Amino acid sequence: MTNLQNHVALFAGLGGFILATEKLGIKTVLANEIDENCNKTLKTNFPDLYIEKKDIRELSFVDNVRNKDIDLVTAGFPCQSFSVAGENKGFEDPRGKLFFEIPRLLKELKDYPKVIILENVPNLKNFNSGERLSVIIKELRSMGYWVNQNNSMILNTNKYTKSPQSRNRLYVVALHSKFFRSNKISKEILVETKPHSLWKIINKSKKVDKSYYLSNENKHFHMLQNLVNKHGKEFVYQVRRSDVRVATQKGVCPTLTANMGLGGHNIPFISDDFGIRTLTIEELLTLQGLNIKNFNFPDISRASKLEMLGNAVHPEVILEILNKILTLKSS
């Protein structure tokens, strides 16, 4: 059986990878995150966590974990340069180039980590027949990792977790040849599960804080109301830049995105017994696999919370992947 003890979380965000590893007894010895609100959130929920707040381009493992045995490195590196919703410049975008900081840092360690898990948007794999993903695979292989297109899985939280959110994300799993004879982690060995009912997470008969409800004077109110009249209250609705739309599946929330906090679009709305409203922070936390009894935000703006939640990694997906890795025989 594979033994993973020490974890480094790069681009740690609000801690989705850390929550997953914590449940399995894997210790996060370092988290790197540049966003101030993310770091406040990490400190609130993981008070003993060592957080390195430097820009990753200025980070060095020589100063901290160079001489430790690091078994697992995770990284939800920036997706804007690979997303169909952005300018899609890939590695030509400075944010896209940040991927190459990951192998740079790994080369500073006394031994390569046994396992690397990367998370990003599906378009990183889908673009131009996998051209960009091939760059990442080539880089990881040059360091001795077993990884190919089959180990780079587009997984939907609505199929692999209990969350009724349709959220497709790319997960690249690389296993080092020093510790493994092959890499058998693929979509085919993961277990699909049935999600909870959205309407058990969202109680339409309970009135929430008035700040979540749209005034009938809001420019989107009548657009949303017309859609509700047409499709009913079992759907989630989404405000876009210039219009509103209905979710493709009844009782399924569309993908939560960082734009919820950045520009006021891609925001999910529902019609409850008291009006038309956005989803509450607590409801969004649950959809992202975060336990509202154990996870807390510090005193930051709602917009910052929405941005972080839209960027978050779903811990249950990571748990499913890690559980399969832990069953593998090491060489």
Protein backbone atom coordinates (compact mmCIF):
# COMPACT_ATOMS: atom_id res chain seq x y z
CA MET A 1 0.00 0.00 0.00
CA THR A 2 1.14 3.54 -0.72
CA ASN A 3 2.07 5.65 2.29
CA LEU A 4 1.65 9.43 2.04
CA GLN A 5 2.67 11.47 5.07
CA ASN A 6 3.72 15.01 4.10
CA HIS A 7 1.89 17.34 1.72
CA VAL A 8 2.74 20.68 0.14
CA ALA A 9 -0.19 22.72 -1.22
CA LEU A 10 0.76 25.21 -3.94
CA PHE A 11 -1.86 27.75 -5.05
CA ALA A 12 -3.68 26.60 -1.92
CA GLY A 13 -6.78 28.80 -2.29
CA LEU A 14 -9.19 28.37 0.59
CA GLY A 15 -7.82 24.90 1.35
CA GLY A 16 -9.81 22.28 -0.59
CA PHE A 17 -6.76 20.04 -1.07
CA ILE A 18 -5.78 20.50 2.58
CA LEU A 19 -9.24 19.50 3.82
CA ALA A 20 -9.03 16.29 1.79
CA THR A 21 -5.53 15.34 2.91
CA GLU A 22 -6.35 16.18 6.53
CA LYS A 23 -9.18 13.60 6.50
CA LEU A 24 -6.67 10.95 5.47
CA GLY A 25 -4.09 11.85 8.11
CA ILE A 26 -1.70 13.41 5.59
CA LYS A 27 0.02 16.44 7.12
CA THR A 28 0.28 19.67 5.13
CA VAL A 29 3.75 20.97 5.96
CA LEU A 30 3.54 24.05 3.75
CA ALA A 31 0.85 25.99 1.91
CA ASN A 32 1.66 28.69 -0.60
CA GLU A 33 -0.96 31.29 -1.51
CA ILE A 34 -0.56 34.93 -2.50
CA ASP A 35 -4.16 36.12 -2.06
CA GLU A 36 -4.57 37.90 1.28
CA ASN A 37 -8.18 36.84 1.85
CA CYS A 38 -7.35 33.22 1.06
CA ASN A 39 -4.51 33.37 3.58
CA LYS A 40 -6.82 34.79 6.24
CA THR A 41 -9.26 31.97 5.52
CA LEU A 42 -6.53 29.33 5.67
CA LYS A 43 -5.32 30.69 9.01
CA THR A 44 -8.87 30.71 10.38
CA ASN A 45 -9.48 27.07 9.51
CA PHE A 46 -5.95 25.66 9.89
CA PRO A 47 -4.41 27.73 12.73
CA ASP A 48 -1.26 25.58 12.91
CA LEU A 49 -0.64 25.57 9.16
CA TYR A 50 2.67 27.01 7.91
CA ILE A 51 1.68 29.46 5.18
CA GLU A 52 4.20 30.98 2.79
CA LYS A 53 2.61 34.13 1.35
CA LYS A 54 5.19 34.91 -1.32
CA ASP A 55 4.47 35.07 -5.02
CA ILE A 56 5.30 31.55 -6.19
CA ARG A 57 7.95 33.02 -8.51
CA GLU A 58 9.80 34.18 -5.40
CA LEU A 59 9.23 31.00 -3.39
CA SER A 60 12.07 28.60 -2.66
CA PHE A 61 11.89 25.23 -0.96
CA VAL A 62 15.51 25.71 0.12
CA ASP A 63 14.25 27.97 2.90
CA ASN A 64 11.68 25.57 4.35
CA VAL A 65 10.91 22.01 3.20
CA ARG A 66 13.98 21.16 1.11
CA ASN A 67 15.24 18.49 3.51
CA LYS A 68 11.86 16.99 4.38
CA ASP A 69 10.34 13.93 2.76
CA ILE A 70 7.50 15.40 0.70
CA ASP A 71 5.18 12.67 -0.51
CA LEU A 72 2.45 14.71 -2.15
CA VAL A 73 2.33 18.06 -3.93
CA THR A 74 -0.97 19.54 -5.05
CA ALA A 75 -1.59 22.65 -7.12
CA GLY A 76 -4.75 24.29 -8.36
CA PHE A 77 -2.75 26.64 -10.57
CA PRO A 78 -4.42 29.66 -12.23
CA CYS A 79 -7.01 28.71 -14.83
CA GLN A 80 -7.85 32.08 -16.42
CA SER A 81 -5.35 31.67 -19.27
CA PHE A 82 -6.77 28.24 -20.18
CA SER A 83 -10.48 28.92 -19.73
CA VAL A 84 -12.88 29.37 -22.63
CA ALA A 85 -14.40 32.19 -20.56
CA GLY A 86 -11.12 34.14 -20.61
CA GLU A 87 -8.70 35.26 -23.31
CA ASN A 88 -7.44 31.68 -23.65
CA LYS A 89 -3.78 32.61 -24.23
CA GLY A 90 -2.47 29.51 -22.51
CA PHE A 91 1.23 29.54 -21.70
CA GLU A 92 1.62 32.88 -23.47
CA ASP A 93 -0.27 34.47 -20.59
CA PRO A 94 1.91 35.29 -17.52
CA ARG A 95 -0.61 33.40 -15.36
CA GLY A 96 -0.29 30.35 -17.60
CA LYS A 97 3.48 30.43 -17.21
CA LEU A 98 3.07 29.96 -13.45
CA PHE A 99 2.71 26.22 -14.05
CA PHE A 100 6.45 26.05 -14.71
CA GLU A 101 7.15 27.24 -11.18
CA ILE A 102 5.88 23.87 -9.94
CA PRO A 103 8.63 21.75 -11.58
CA ARG A 104 11.19 24.41 -10.64
CA LEU A 105 10.29 23.98 -6.98
CA LEU A 106 10.15 20.18 -7.16
CA LYS A 107 13.73 20.13 -8.41
CA GLU A 108 14.82 21.84 -5.17
CA LEU A 109 13.67 18.90 -3.03
CA LYS A 110 16.05 16.13 -1.98
CA ASP A 111 13.70 13.61 -3.66
CA TYR A 112 10.80 14.11 -6.03
CA PRO A 113 7.38 13.67 -4.37
CA LYS A 114 5.70 10.31 -4.87
CA VAL A 115 2.50 11.94 -6.13
CA ILE A 116 1.51 15.17 -7.85
CA ILE A 117 -2.10 16.21 -8.33
CA LEU A 118 -2.88 19.25 -10.48
CA GLU A 119 -6.31 20.84 -10.92
CA ASN A 120 -7.51 23.18 -13.66
CA VAL A 121 -10.31 23.77 -16.17
CA PRO A 122 -11.29 21.12 -18.78
CA ASN A 123 -10.21 23.36 -21.66
CA LEU A 124 -6.59 22.79 -20.67
CA LYS A 125 -7.08 19.22 -21.93
CA ASN A 126 -9.63 19.92 -24.66
CA PHE A 127 -7.85 22.81 -26.39
CA ASN A 128 -6.39 21.91 -29.78
CA SER A 129 -6.48 18.13 -29.18
CA GLY A 130 -4.60 18.33 -25.89
CA GLU A 131 -1.74 20.50 -27.13
CA ARG A 132 -1.37 22.40 -23.85
CA LEU A 133 -1.82 19.38 -21.64
CA SER A 134 0.95 17.67 -23.62
CA VAL A 135 3.34 20.42 -22.48
CA ILE A 136 2.52 19.65 -18.85
CA ILE A 137 2.78 15.89 -19.35
CA LYS A 138 6.15 16.25 -21.09
CA GLU A 139 7.46 18.40 -18.23
CA LEU A 140 6.36 15.89 -15.59
CA ARG A 141 7.69 12.93 -17.54
CA SER A 142 11.10 14.61 -17.80
CA MET A 143 11.28 14.35 -14.00
CA GLY A 144 10.45 10.65 -14.01
CA TYR A 145 6.68 10.68 -13.50
CA TRP A 146 4.22 8.20 -14.94
CA VAL A 147 1.51 10.39 -16.49
CA ASN A 148 -0.44 10.51 -19.74
CA GLN A 149 -3.74 11.72 -21.16
CA ASN A 150 -5.56 8.85 -19.43
CA ASN A 151 -4.28 9.99 -16.02
CA SER A 152 -5.62 13.48 -16.82
CA MET A 153 -9.29 13.18 -15.96
CA ILE A 154 -12.18 15.57 -16.47
CA LEU A 155 -14.46 14.82 -13.53
CA ASN A 156 -17.83 16.30 -12.62
CA THR A 157 -18.66 16.85 -8.94
CA ASN A 158 -22.23 15.89 -9.77
CA LYS A 159 -21.03 12.36 -10.63
CA TYR A 160 -18.19 11.75 -8.20
CA THR A 161 -19.40 13.52 -5.04
CA LYS A 162 -22.66 14.07 -3.18
CA SER A 163 -22.82 17.65 -4.46
CA PRO A 164 -25.67 18.58 -6.85
CA GLN A 165 -23.40 21.07 -8.62
CA SER A 166 -22.37 20.43 -12.22
CA ARG A 167 -18.67 21.27 -12.01
CA ASN A 168 -16.29 19.76 -14.54
CA ARG A 169 -12.63 20.10 -13.66
CA LEU A 170 -9.41 18.57 -14.95
CA TYR A 171 -7.34 16.53 -12.50
CA VAL A 172 -3.84 15.46 -13.58
CA VAL A 173 -2.38 12.66 -11.44
CA ALA A 174 1.34 11.93 -11.76
CA LEU A 175 3.07 9.06 -9.91
CA HIS A 176 6.86 8.93 -9.71
CA SER A 177 8.61 5.94 -11.26
CA LYS A 178 10.92 5.64 -8.24
CA PHE A 179 7.91 4.60 -6.15
CA PHE A 180 5.44 3.12 -8.67
CA ARG A 181 5.78 0.65 -11.55
CA SER A 182 2.96 2.33 -13.50
CA ASN A 183 0.09 4.77 -13.15
CA LYS A 184 -3.31 3.10 -13.01
CA ILE A 185 -5.24 6.17 -11.86
CA SER A 186 -7.90 6.87 -14.46
CA LYS A 187 -11.54 7.81 -14.70
CA GLU A 188 -12.48 4.16 -15.16
CA ILE A 189 -11.43 3.10 -11.64
CA LEU A 190 -13.17 5.96 -9.82
CA VAL A 191 -16.54 5.31 -8.24
CA GLU A 192 -19.54 7.34 -9.34
CA THR A 193 -22.07 8.27 -6.68
CA LYS A 194 -25.56 9.74 -6.51
CA PRO A 195 -25.65 13.40 -5.38
CA HIS A 196 -27.87 14.74 -2.63
CA SER A 197 -31.05 16.54 -3.61
CA LEU A 198 -30.37 20.22 -4.20
CA TRP A 199 -33.56 21.06 -2.35
CA LYS A 200 -32.29 19.41 0.81
CA ILE A 201 -29.35 21.80 0.74
CA ILE A 202 -31.55 24.75 -0.23
CA ASN A 203 -34.71 25.15 1.84
CA LYS A 204 -37.13 27.18 -0.30
CA SER A 205 -39.62 27.51 2.55
CA LYS A 206 -37.14 29.23 4.87
CA LYS A 207 -36.60 32.97 4.51
CA VAL A 208 -32.94 34.02 4.42
CA ASP A 209 -31.34 37.41 5.04
CA LYS A 210 -33.01 40.13 3.00
CA SER A 211 -29.70 41.08 1.36
CA TYR A 212 -29.91 37.90 -0.77
CA TYR A 213 -33.26 38.83 -2.36
CA LEU A 214 -33.63 40.84 -5.55
CA SER A 215 -35.76 43.95 -5.47
CA ASN A 216 -38.45 43.99 -8.15
CA GLU A 217 -36.78 47.21 -9.30
CA ASN A 218 -33.55 45.36 -10.11
CA LYS A 219 -32.90 45.12 -13.86
CA HIS A 220 -32.59 41.31 -13.65
CA PHE A 221 -35.69 40.70 -11.55
CA HIS A 222 -38.25 40.63 -14.35
CA MET A 223 -35.92 38.68 -16.66
CA LEU A 224 -35.55 36.02 -13.96
CA GLN A 225 -39.24 36.06 -13.08
CA ASN A 226 -40.17 35.44 -16.72
CA LEU A 227 -37.88 32.42 -16.81
CA VAL A 228 -39.28 31.12 -13.51
CA ASN A 229 -42.82 31.48 -14.87
CA LYS A 230 -41.79 29.47 -17.92
CA HIS A 231 -39.65 26.72 -16.33
CA GLY A 232 -40.73 26.59 -12.68
CA LYS A 233 -39.06 26.69 -9.28
CA GLU A 234 -37.16 23.39 -9.56
CA PHE A 235 -34.42 24.95 -11.67
CA VAL A 236 -31.48 27.17 -10.76
CA TYR A 237 -31.11 30.33 -12.83
CA GLN A 238 -27.97 32.23 -13.66
CA VAL A 239 -27.35 35.91 -14.29
CA ARG A 240 -24.85 36.39 -17.10
CA ARG A 241 -23.14 39.57 -18.33
CA SER A 242 -26.04 40.65 -20.54
CA ASP A 243 -28.79 38.11 -19.98
CA VAL A 244 -30.11 35.37 -17.69
CA ARG A 245 -30.40 31.65 -18.37
CA VAL A 246 -31.88 28.50 -16.91
CA ALA A 247 -29.72 25.56 -15.80
CA THR A 248 -29.63 22.63 -18.21
CA GLN A 249 -30.75 20.14 -15.52
CA LYS A 250 -33.56 20.39 -13.02
CA GLY A 251 -32.30 20.38 -9.45
CA VAL A 252 -28.65 20.86 -10.44
CA CYS A 253 -26.65 24.03 -9.78
CA PRO A 254 -24.47 25.27 -12.65
CA THR A 255 -20.72 25.60 -12.11
CA LEU A 256 -19.83 28.11 -9.43
CA THR A 257 -17.18 30.50 -10.73
CA ALA A 258 -14.93 33.23 -9.34
CA ASN A 259 -16.90 35.74 -11.41
CA MET A 260 -19.64 35.52 -8.79
CA GLY A 261 -17.49 37.83 -6.68
CA LEU A 262 -15.49 39.63 -9.36
CA GLY A 263 -18.08 41.10 -11.67
CA GLY A 264 -21.54 40.18 -10.47
CA HIS A 265 -22.20 37.63 -13.22
CA ASN A 266 -22.48 33.82 -13.33
CA ILE A 267 -24.41 34.19 -10.07
CA PRO A 268 -26.91 31.39 -9.35
CA PHE A 269 -30.46 32.42 -8.40
CA ILE A 270 -33.50 30.50 -7.23
CA SER A 271 -37.15 31.35 -6.65
CA ASP A 272 -38.21 30.49 -3.10
CA ASP A 273 -41.45 31.11 -1.21
CA PHE A 274 -40.44 34.71 -0.50
CA GLY A 275 -38.98 35.95 -3.77
CA ILE A 276 -36.05 35.59 -6.13
CA ARG A 277 -32.68 35.36 -4.44
CA THR A 278 -29.08 34.33 -4.78
CA LEU A 279 -27.72 31.32 -2.97
CA THR A 280 -26.41 32.03 0.50
CA ILE A 281 -22.75 31.64 1.47
CA GLU A 282 -23.71 28.60 3.56
CA GLU A 283 -25.46 26.96 0.59
CA LEU A 284 -22.48 27.65 -1.66
CA LEU A 285 -20.09 26.22 0.92
CA THR A 286 -22.11 23.00 1.00
CA LEU A 287 -22.15 22.78 -2.80
CA GLN A 288 -18.36 23.07 -2.74
CA GLY A 289 -18.04 20.21 -0.27
CA LEU A 290 -17.20 22.35 2.76
CA ASN A 291 -18.78 21.52 6.11
CA ILE A 292 -20.50 24.67 7.41
CA LYS A 293 -20.12 23.40 10.98
CA ASN A 294 -16.34 23.11 10.71
CA PHE A 295 -15.39 25.68 8.07
CA ASN A 296 -15.45 29.41 8.80
CA PHE A 297 -14.70 32.54 6.87
CA PRO A 298 -12.88 35.40 8.59
CA ASP A 299 -14.28 38.93 8.52
CA ILE A 300 -14.03 39.60 4.79
CA SER A 301 -16.46 40.90 2.16
CA ARG A 302 -19.14 38.72 0.60
CA ALA A 303 -17.59 39.38 -2.81
CA SER A 304 -14.27 37.93 -1.60
CA LYS A 305 -16.05 34.85 -0.26
CA LEU A 306 -17.84 34.37 -3.58
CA GLU A 307 -14.59 34.68 -5.53
CA MET A 308 -12.86 32.11 -3.31
CA LEU A 309 -15.78 29.70 -3.47
CA GLY A 310 -15.85 29.91 -7.25
CA ASN A 311 -12.15 29.02 -7.38
CA ALA A 312 -12.31 26.27 -4.76
CA VAL A 313 -11.27 22.66 -5.26
CA HIS A 314 -13.96 20.20 -4.17
CA PRO A 315 -12.41 18.08 -1.36
CA GLU A 316 -14.56 15.02 -2.05
CA VAL A 317 -13.16 14.67 -5.58
CA ILE A 318 -9.63 14.81 -4.18
CA LEU A 319 -10.57 12.25 -1.51
CA GLU A 320 -11.80 9.83 -4.16
CA ILE A 321 -8.55 10.19 -6.14
CA LEU A 322 -6.31 9.91 -3.07
CA ASN A 323 -8.16 6.86 -1.76
CA LYS A 324 -7.44 5.09 -5.04
CA ILE A 325 -3.74 6.11 -4.91
CA LEU A 326 -3.43 4.83 -1.34
CA THR A 327 -4.54 1.36 -2.45
CA LEU A 328 -1.76 1.08 -5.04
CA LYS A 329 1.35 -0.98 -4.35
CA SER A 330 4.58 0.97 -4.19
CA SER A 331 7.57 -0.48 -6.04
